[in-house]
C-alpha cells in the first residue's frame, strides 16, 4: 500500500513540477528574445560569459547536474539506493532547474525535457523515501517516464520511453505501477495546461507510393545526420586529439568557446536560440524556412551540449529535425510538405536517441499525426539501422557510463 501511495503521490508531484518548469523555461526564452530585440549585440556578451558562469556554478555546486539529465537517471538505476546521494539528490535537481532556466536566459540551444526526466526521477525517489519504501530501479524508471509524459503532454510516449530507453533492468512486475505513474503525471499536466498539441496538429498524410519512396530516404538522411551528432558529442568527451584534450582540461575555456559559437550562430541566423520550438512549429505548419536552418540548429545544439552546462537536447533536436525535413520536402515537391517534414524530424531524432518507438510516438502525439504512424515508423527504423554504422554507441547509454553512484564527487 505504501509503495502504491509513493508511486501515485510522486506522479502527481511530477506533473505539477513539470508544468511549473515549463512555464518558467518558456518565460526565460521569451525574455532572452526581448533582450536581443532591444540590444542586438547583447548575445556576444551574455551568451559566452553566461556559458562560462553556468559551467563554473555547475561544477562547483552540483557536477551531476551537467548535461541532459537522462544519462544521470540511467546511471542511478544501476545503484538505486545510492542514486539519491548525488545523481538525483535535491541539491542536484534544484541546481538543474535553476541553471537550465538560466541557460535559456543566455540563449543556449537547450530543452527542458531531459532535465525534467532527472527532476521527475528525483521526486519519485524522495516520495519513496518519505513513505519509507525501498528504492528500486523501477522507481527512477517511473519517475523519468512520467517526466517525459508531463513535459510533452504525451502519456503514451512516456510509457514507450520507460520500456525502450530507461529500462535496461526493467522490473516486469512493476509494469502496472510504472504505467499508472506515467499516466497520472500526464493527466495532471493535461488538466492544468489544457488539451494542447505540443507542435500543433498536422493532418497531412502520404499515399502508399509516396511513403515507400520518401520514408527510406528520410531514414537514411536522418540516421546519418543524427549518428554524426551523437558521434561528435561523444568524441568531444573522449577524443585524445590534443585540442579537445586541452579543452576538456580547461572546462571554462571550452564553455566560453561554445558560448561564442552559439552567440555567433544566433546573431547570423536569428532563429537558432533556445529550444527552437517556434521555428519548428512554423515549419510543420507550412511556413518557409531557410534551407540551412537544420545544420545551423544542429551546430548550436552540439556546441551547447558539449559545453557542460545543464540542459537537454530533446526539443532542440526535434527542432533541428524539422530543418532536415524541410530540406527533404524541397526534394519531393509533389508530396505534402508537412508530412515529409515529420518524416525528417522522426528520422533525425531517432538517429540521435536510437529509440525508434519512442521517437515515433512522440512525433505522433506532439503533432496529432496518427495517420502517418506507419511511414514514421518506417523512417525511424531505417534511421536506427543507419545510425548504428555512424555511431555504434547509443548516446544516452554511453553518456550514462560517465556517471556512477559509487564514484561521484
Protein backbone atom coordinates (compact mmCIF):
# COMPACT_ATOMS: atom_id res chain seq x y z
CA UNK A 1 0.00 0.00 0.00
CA UNK A 2 2.81 2.44 0.88
CA UNK A 3 4.56 1.65 -2.41
CA UNK A 4 1.41 2.45 -4.37
CA UNK A 5 0.91 5.67 -2.43
CA UNK A 6 4.54 6.67 -3.12
CA UNK A 7 4.17 5.99 -6.86
CA UNK A 8 0.85 7.77 -7.25
CA UNK A 9 1.70 10.70 -4.97
CA UNK A 10 5.05 11.11 -6.69
CA UNK A 11 3.35 11.10 -10.09
CA UNK A 12 1.07 13.98 -9.08
CA UNK A 13 4.08 15.99 -7.88
CA UNK A 14 5.93 15.21 -11.12
CA UNK A 15 3.05 16.61 -13.17
CA UNK A 16 2.97 19.80 -11.11
CA UNK A 17 6.76 20.25 -11.17
CA UNK A 18 6.93 19.65 -14.94
CA UNK A 19 4.24 22.23 -15.58
CA UNK A 20 5.93 24.86 -13.39
CA UNK A 21 9.30 24.14 -15.01
CA UNK A 22 7.74 24.52 -18.47
CA UNK A 23 6.22 27.88 -17.62
CA UNK A 24 9.47 29.24 -16.18
CA UNK A 25 11.55 27.89 -19.09
CA UNK A 26 9.21 29.44 -21.67
CA UNK A 27 9.33 32.77 -19.83
CA UNK A 28 13.14 32.68 -19.78
CA UNK A 29 13.30 32.04 -23.52
CA UNK A 30 10.89 34.87 -24.26
CA UNK A 31 12.85 37.27 -22.05
CA UNK A 32 16.05 36.47 -23.95
CA UNK A 33 14.33 37.20 -27.27
CA UNK A 34 13.14 40.55 -25.88
CA UNK A 35 16.71 41.38 -24.89
CA UNK A 36 18.00 40.53 -28.39
CA UNK A 37 15.24 42.59 -30.00
CA UNK A 38 16.30 45.63 -27.97
CA UNK A 39 20.08 45.19 -27.99
CA UNK A 40 21.14 43.04 -30.97
CA UNK A 41 24.76 42.87 -29.76
CA UNK A 42 23.89 41.64 -26.25
CA UNK A 43 24.30 37.89 -27.03
CA UNK A 44 28.00 38.35 -27.87
CA UNK A 45 28.44 39.31 -24.21
CA UNK A 46 25.63 37.49 -22.42
CA UNK A 47 25.94 34.10 -24.13
CA UNK A 48 29.69 33.30 -23.84
CA UNK A 49 30.06 34.81 -20.36
CA UNK A 50 26.81 33.14 -19.33
CA UNK A 51 28.09 29.76 -20.51
CA UNK A 52 31.29 30.19 -18.50
CA UNK A 53 29.40 31.26 -15.37
CA UNK A 54 26.89 28.42 -15.63
CA UNK A 55 29.55 25.76 -16.13
CA UNK A 56 31.56 27.17 -13.20
CA UNK A 57 28.47 27.08 -10.95
CA UNK A 58 27.53 23.58 -12.12
CA UNK A 59 30.97 22.17 -11.38
CA UNK A 60 31.13 23.93 -8.02
CA UNK A 61 27.61 23.29 -6.73
CA UNK A 62 26.42 20.04 -8.33
CA UNK A 63 28.56 18.41 -11.07
CA UNK A 64 25.85 15.77 -11.57
CA UNK A 65 23.51 18.50 -12.86
CA UNK A 66 25.53 18.93 -16.06
CA UNK A 67 24.05 17.98 -19.41
CA UNK A 68 20.71 16.38 -20.20
CA UNK A 69 19.71 14.53 -17.04
CA UNK A 70 18.68 11.33 -18.83
CA UNK A 71 22.16 9.74 -18.54
CA UNK A 72 22.18 10.52 -14.80
CA UNK A 73 18.80 8.83 -14.42
CA UNK A 74 20.04 5.77 -16.29
CA UNK A 75 23.16 5.64 -14.12
CA UNK A 76 21.02 5.85 -10.97
CA UNK A 77 19.05 2.73 -11.98
CA UNK A 78 22.26 0.71 -11.70
CA UNK A 79 22.54 1.54 -7.97
CA UNK A 80 19.03 2.62 -6.91
CA UNK A 81 19.66 3.23 -3.21
CA UNK A 82 22.83 5.22 -3.82
CA UNK A 83 21.35 7.16 -6.71
CA UNK A 84 19.71 9.59 -4.30
CA UNK A 85 23.02 10.59 -2.73
CA UNK A 86 24.27 12.73 -5.60
CA UNK A 87 22.88 11.86 -9.04
CA UNK A 88 19.27 12.53 -8.05
CA UNK A 89 19.70 14.47 -4.82
CA UNK A 90 17.59 17.52 -4.03
CA UNK A 91 20.71 19.70 -4.38
CA UNK A 92 21.39 18.32 -7.86
CA UNK A 93 17.87 18.68 -9.25
CA UNK A 94 17.32 22.15 -7.80
CA UNK A 95 20.59 23.23 -9.39
CA UNK A 96 19.41 21.60 -12.61
CA UNK A 97 16.14 23.52 -12.59
CA UNK A 98 17.65 26.91 -11.86
CA UNK A 99 20.63 26.63 -14.22
CA UNK A 100 18.61 25.22 -17.13
CA UNK A 101 16.32 28.24 -16.90
CA UNK A 102 19.43 30.45 -16.68
CA UNK A 103 20.83 28.71 -19.79
CA UNK A 104 17.69 29.66 -21.73
CA UNK A 105 18.15 33.22 -20.46
CA UNK A 106 21.59 33.13 -22.10
CA UNK A 107 20.27 31.90 -25.44
CA UNK A 108 21.60 28.34 -25.10
CA UNK A 109 20.17 25.76 -27.50
CA UNK A 110 18.75 23.58 -24.74
CA UNK A 111 15.45 21.95 -23.88
CA UNK A 112 13.70 21.30 -20.59
CA UNK A 113 12.57 17.74 -21.35
CA UNK A 114 15.82 15.93 -20.43
CA UNK A 115 16.18 17.90 -17.18
CA UNK A 116 12.53 17.14 -16.42
CA UNK A 117 13.40 13.42 -16.55
CA UNK A 118 16.11 13.84 -13.91
CA UNK A 119 13.92 16.07 -11.73
CA UNK A 120 10.98 13.67 -12.01
CA UNK A 121 13.12 10.64 -11.11
CA UNK A 122 14.36 12.52 -8.05
CA UNK A 123 10.81 13.45 -6.99
CA UNK A 124 9.75 9.82 -7.27
CA UNK A 125 12.78 8.73 -5.24
CA UNK A 126 12.05 11.28 -2.50
CA UNK A 127 8.38 10.19 -2.40
CA UNK A 128 9.52 6.63 -1.72
CA UNK A 129 11.94 7.76 0.96
CA UNK A 130 9.18 9.78 2.62
CA UNK A 131 6.94 6.71 2.68
CA UNK A 132 9.87 4.54 3.93
CA UNK A 133 9.67 2.30 0.86
CA UNK A 134 12.85 0.69 -0.58
CA UNK A 135 14.00 2.34 -3.79
CA UNK A 136 14.35 0.09 -6.83
CA UNK A 137 15.26 0.78 -10.44
CA UNK A 138 11.57 0.90 -11.33
CA UNK A 139 11.18 3.99 -9.12
CA UNK A 140 13.51 6.03 -11.33
CA UNK A 141 12.11 4.49 -14.50
CA UNK A 142 8.60 5.50 -13.49
CA UNK A 143 9.71 8.99 -12.48
CA UNK A 144 11.72 9.63 -15.63
CA UNK A 145 8.99 8.32 -17.91
CA UNK A 146 6.38 10.37 -16.05
CA UNK A 147 8.62 13.38 -16.67
CA UNK A 148 8.56 12.76 -20.42
CA UNK A 149 4.78 12.36 -20.36
CA UNK A 150 4.27 15.59 -18.44
CA UNK A 151 6.88 17.61 -20.36
CA UNK A 152 5.44 16.81 -23.80
CA UNK A 153 1.83 16.13 -22.69
CA UNK A 154 2.30 12.68 -24.27
CA UNK A 155 1.43 9.80 -21.89
CA UNK A 156 1.96 7.06 -24.50
CA UNK A 157 5.44 8.40 -25.29
CA UNK A 158 6.24 8.23 -21.57
CA UNK A 159 5.33 4.56 -21.46
CA UNK A 160 7.40 3.84 -24.58
CA UNK A 161 10.35 5.80 -23.16
CA UNK A 162 10.20 3.75 -19.94
CA UNK A 163 10.38 0.48 -21.80
CA UNK A 164 12.69 1.38 -24.66
CA UNK A 165 15.22 3.84 -23.28
CA UNK A 166 15.37 3.83 -19.47
CA UNK A 167 14.63 0.23 -18.63
CA UNK A 168 17.82 -1.75 -19.19
CA UNK A 169 16.95 -3.52 -15.94
CA UNK A 170 13.17 -3.21 -16.19
CA UNK A 171 11.20 -4.93 -13.44
CA UNK A 172 8.29 -6.55 -15.20
CA UNK A 173 6.19 -6.99 -12.08
CA UNK A 174 6.26 -3.21 -11.56
CA UNK A 175 4.81 -2.53 -15.01
CA UNK A 176 1.34 -1.57 -13.80
CA UNK A 177 2.61 0.95 -11.23
CA UNK A 178 5.09 2.45 -13.69
CA UNK A 179 2.39 2.95 -16.30
CA UNK A 180 -0.03 4.34 -13.71
CA UNK A 181 2.59 6.89 -12.61
CA UNK A 182 3.20 7.94 -16.20
CA UNK A 183 -0.50 8.36 -16.97
CA UNK A 184 -1.23 10.26 -13.74
CA UNK A 185 1.63 12.72 -14.36
CA UNK A 186 0.36 13.21 -17.90
CA UNK A 187 -3.19 13.78 -16.70
CA UNK A 188 -2.08 16.34 -14.11
CA UNK A 189 -0.27 18.28 -16.84
CA UNK A 190 -3.24 17.87 -19.17
CA UNK A 191 -5.71 19.03 -16.53
CA UNK A 192 -3.79 22.18 -15.65
CA UNK A 193 -2.30 23.14 -19.03
CA UNK A 194 -5.25 22.06 -21.17
CA UNK A 195 -5.53 19.63 -24.07
CA UNK A 196 -2.84 21.17 -26.25
CA UNK A 197 -0.78 19.55 -29.02
CA UNK A 198 2.90 20.38 -28.41
CA UNK A 199 3.85 21.25 -32.01
CA UNK A 200 0.32 21.87 -33.27
CA UNK A 201 -1.94 19.50 -35.19
CA UNK A 202 -0.79 18.36 -38.63
CA UNK A 203 -3.37 16.43 -40.64
CA UNK A 204 -1.45 15.70 -43.86
CA UNK A 205 -0.79 12.11 -44.95
CA UNK A 206 1.15 10.31 -47.67
CA UNK A 207 -0.05 7.76 -50.20
CA UNK A 208 1.49 4.30 -50.02
CA UNK A 209 3.58 5.03 -53.10
CA UNK A 210 4.86 8.32 -51.68
CA UNK A 211 5.67 6.74 -48.32
CA UNK A 212 7.63 3.90 -49.97
CA UNK A 213 9.90 6.47 -51.61
CA UNK A 214 10.17 9.23 -49.00
CA UNK A 215 10.42 7.18 -45.78
CA UNK A 216 13.63 5.30 -46.72
CA UNK A 217 15.30 8.49 -47.98
CA UNK A 218 14.31 10.32 -44.79
CA UNK A 219 15.58 7.40 -42.72
CA UNK A 220 18.97 7.35 -44.40
CA UNK A 221 19.49 11.12 -44.23
CA UNK A 222 18.19 11.46 -40.67
CA UNK A 223 20.13 8.41 -39.48
CA UNK A 224 23.38 9.73 -40.95
CA UNK A 225 22.98 13.23 -39.50
CA UNK A 226 21.71 12.02 -36.13
CA UNK A 227 24.51 9.47 -35.89
CA UNK A 228 27.06 12.17 -36.74
CA UNK A 229 25.66 14.40 -34.00
CA UNK A 230 25.95 11.59 -31.43
CA UNK A 231 29.43 10.66 -32.59
CA UNK A 232 30.61 14.27 -32.40
CA UNK A 233 29.11 14.74 -28.95
CA UNK A 234 30.77 11.60 -27.60
CA UNK A 235 34.07 12.43 -29.32
CA UNK A 236 34.38 15.75 -27.53
CA UNK A 237 34.25 13.90 -24.22
CA UNK A 238 36.58 11.05 -25.16
CA UNK A 239 38.84 12.01 -28.07
CA UNK A 240 42.60 12.05 -27.45
CA UNK A 241 43.18 14.76 -30.05
CA UNK A 242 45.30 17.48 -28.43
CA UNK A 243 42.94 20.44 -28.93
CA UNK A 244 39.97 18.54 -27.49
CA UNK A 245 42.03 17.09 -24.64
CA UNK A 246 43.25 20.59 -23.77
CA UNK A 247 39.71 21.97 -23.80
CA UNK A 248 38.48 19.15 -21.56
CA UNK A 249 41.27 20.00 -19.13
CA UNK A 250 40.11 23.65 -19.17
CA UNK A 251 36.30 23.38 -18.99
CA UNK A 252 35.68 27.11 -18.59
CA UNK A 253 37.63 27.81 -21.79
CA UNK A 254 35.51 25.17 -23.53
CA UNK A 255 32.33 26.77 -22.19
CA UNK A 256 33.38 30.22 -23.37
CA UNK A 257 34.26 28.94 -26.84
CA UNK A 258 30.94 27.09 -27.11
CA UNK A 259 29.13 30.24 -25.97
CA UNK A 260 30.82 32.25 -28.71
CA UNK A 261 29.75 29.68 -31.32
CA UNK A 262 26.14 29.76 -30.11
CA UNK A 263 26.13 33.58 -29.97
CA UNK A 264 27.61 33.92 -33.47
CA UNK A 265 25.14 31.44 -34.96
CA UNK A 266 22.25 33.15 -33.26
CA UNK A 267 23.21 36.60 -34.47
CA UNK A 268 23.85 35.38 -38.02
CA UNK A 269 20.61 33.41 -38.31
CA UNK A 270 18.27 34.91 -35.72
CA UNK A 271 16.49 31.55 -35.25
CA UNK A 272 18.88 29.13 -33.51
CA UNK A 273 18.36 30.40 -29.96
CA UNK A 274 16.71 28.32 -27.23
CA UNK A 275 14.55 25.28 -27.86
CA UNK A 276 13.69 26.23 -31.44
CA UNK A 277 10.03 25.45 -30.71
CA UNK A 278 8.61 28.46 -32.58
CA UNK A 279 10.61 27.75 -35.74
CA UNK A 280 9.75 24.05 -35.65
CA UNK A 281 6.05 24.83 -35.20
CA UNK A 282 6.16 27.26 -38.13
CA UNK A 283 7.91 24.76 -40.45
CA UNK A 284 5.43 22.00 -39.58
CA UNK A 285 2.57 24.44 -40.24
CA UNK A 286 3.90 25.15 -43.74
CA UNK A 287 5.91 28.33 -43.27
CA UNK A 288 9.00 28.60 -45.45
CA UNK A 289 12.36 28.43 -43.69
CA UNK A 290 16.00 28.83 -44.73
CA UNK A 291 17.44 25.57 -46.04
CA UNK A 292 20.38 25.96 -43.66
CA UNK A 293 18.24 26.07 -40.51
CA UNK A 294 18.71 22.35 -39.79
CA UNK A 295 22.54 22.35 -39.91
CA UNK A 296 22.73 25.65 -38.00
CA UNK A 297 20.45 24.36 -35.24
CA UNK A 298 22.43 21.09 -35.09
CA UNK A 299 25.67 23.02 -34.59
CA UNK A 300 24.17 25.34 -31.97
CA UNK A 301 22.77 22.34 -30.07
CA UNK A 302 26.07 20.46 -30.29
CA UNK A 303 28.02 23.47 -29.01
CA UNK A 304 25.59 23.85 -26.13
CA UNK A 305 25.53 20.15 -25.30
CA UNK A 306 29.32 19.76 -25.08
CA UNK A 307 29.81 22.98 -23.10
CA UNK A 308 28.99 21.28 -19.79
CA UNK A 309 26.05 23.43 -18.72
CA UNK A 310 22.71 21.90 -17.63
CA UNK A 311 20.07 21.42 -20.31
CA UNK A 312 18.54 18.81 -22.57
CA UNK A 313 18.76 18.07 -26.29
CA UNK A 314 15.25 16.66 -26.86
CA UNK A 315 13.47 19.81 -28.01
CA UNK A 316 16.44 21.33 -29.90
CA UNK A 317 16.95 18.02 -31.72
CA UNK A 318 13.30 17.84 -32.70
CA UNK A 319 13.61 21.42 -33.94
CA UNK A 320 16.74 20.59 -35.98
CA UNK A 321 14.87 17.58 -37.32
CA UNK A 322 12.23 19.86 -38.81
CA UNK A 323 15.07 21.61 -40.66
CA UNK A 324 16.18 18.25 -42.05
CA UNK A 325 12.59 17.52 -43.02
CA UNK A 326 12.23 20.91 -44.71
CA UNK A 327 15.18 20.15 -46.99
CA UNK A 328 13.58 16.78 -47.78
CA UNK A 329 10.30 18.49 -48.66
CA UNK A 330 12.15 20.53 -51.30
CA UNK A 331 13.43 17.28 -52.82
CA UNK A 332 9.88 15.88 -53.00
CA UNK A 333 7.76 18.85 -54.12
CA UNK A 334 4.83 16.64 -55.17
CA UNK A 335 4.38 15.27 -51.63
CA UNK A 336 2.57 17.09 -48.78
CA UNK A 337 5.33 19.22 -47.26
CA UNK A 338 4.19 18.89 -43.64
CA UNK A 339 4.16 15.10 -43.80
CA UNK A 340 7.66 14.99 -45.31
CA UNK A 341 8.92 17.37 -42.60
CA UNK A 342 7.70 14.97 -39.92
CA UNK A 343 9.50 12.04 -41.56
CA UNK A 344 12.76 14.00 -41.50
CA UNK A 345 12.07 15.03 -37.93
CA UNK A 346 11.49 11.49 -36.64
CA UNK A 347 14.45 10.12 -38.60
CA UNK A 348 16.92 12.69 -37.27
CA UNK A 349 15.65 12.35 -33.70
CA UNK A 350 15.89 8.56 -33.93
CA UNK A 351 19.41 8.84 -35.31
CA UNK A 352 20.40 10.64 -32.11
CA UNK A 353 18.49 8.82 -29.35
CA UNK A 354 18.31 5.39 -31.09
CA UNK A 355 14.85 4.74 -29.67
CA UNK A 356 12.59 4.45 -32.74
CA UNK A 357 9.35 3.55 -30.96
CA UNK A 358 9.69 6.46 -28.53
CA UNK A 359 10.53 8.84 -31.39
CA UNK A 360 7.52 7.78 -33.45
CA UNK A 361 5.08 8.10 -30.55
CA UNK A 362 6.49 11.49 -29.50
CA UNK A 363 6.11 12.86 -33.03
CA UNK A 364 2.66 11.34 -33.48
CA UNK A 365 1.39 12.71 -30.15
CA UNK A 366 3.03 16.14 -30.37
CA UNK A 367 1.64 16.76 -33.88
CA UNK A 368 -1.61 14.74 -33.79
CA UNK A 369 -0.41 12.96 -36.93
CA UNK A 370 -1.54 9.42 -36.16
CA UNK A 371 -2.39 8.92 -39.82
CA UNK A 372 1.36 8.92 -40.52
CA UNK A 373 2.24 6.22 -37.97
CA UNK A 374 3.39 3.62 -40.48
CA UNK A 375 5.58 5.97 -42.60
CA UNK A 376 7.00 7.47 -39.39
CA UNK A 377 7.84 4.02 -38.07
CA UNK A 378 9.45 3.01 -41.38
CA UNK A 379 11.63 6.14 -41.41
CA UNK A 380 12.57 5.65 -37.76
CA UNK A 381 13.58 2.01 -38.23
CA UNK A 382 15.73 2.87 -41.26
CA UNK A 383 17.31 5.75 -39.31
CA UNK A 384 18.08 3.50 -36.35
CA UNK A 385 19.72 0.96 -38.66
CA UNK A 386 21.80 3.58 -40.49
CA UNK A 387 22.84 5.48 -37.35
CA UNK A 388 24.50 2.43 -35.79
CA UNK A 389 27.03 2.39 -38.63
CA UNK A 390 27.96 6.00 -37.90
CA UNK A 391 27.95 5.78 -34.10
CA UNK A 392 27.84 2.30 -32.58
CA UNK A 393 27.17 3.55 -29.06
CA UNK A 394 23.73 4.77 -28.10
CA UNK A 395 24.16 8.35 -26.96
CA UNK A 396 22.36 8.36 -23.61
CA UNK A 397 23.71 4.96 -22.62
CA UNK A 398 27.28 5.98 -23.44
CA UNK A 399 26.89 9.24 -21.52
CA UNK A 400 25.39 7.39 -18.53
CA UNK A 401 28.65 5.43 -18.13
CA UNK A 402 30.35 8.71 -17.21
CA UNK A 403 28.16 8.91 -14.12
CA UNK A 404 28.26 6.45 -11.25
CA UNK A 405 26.59 6.36 -7.86
CA UNK A 406 29.82 4.91 -6.49
CA UNK A 407 32.40 7.44 -7.62
CA UNK A 408 30.74 10.84 -7.98
CA UNK A 409 32.38 13.74 -6.14
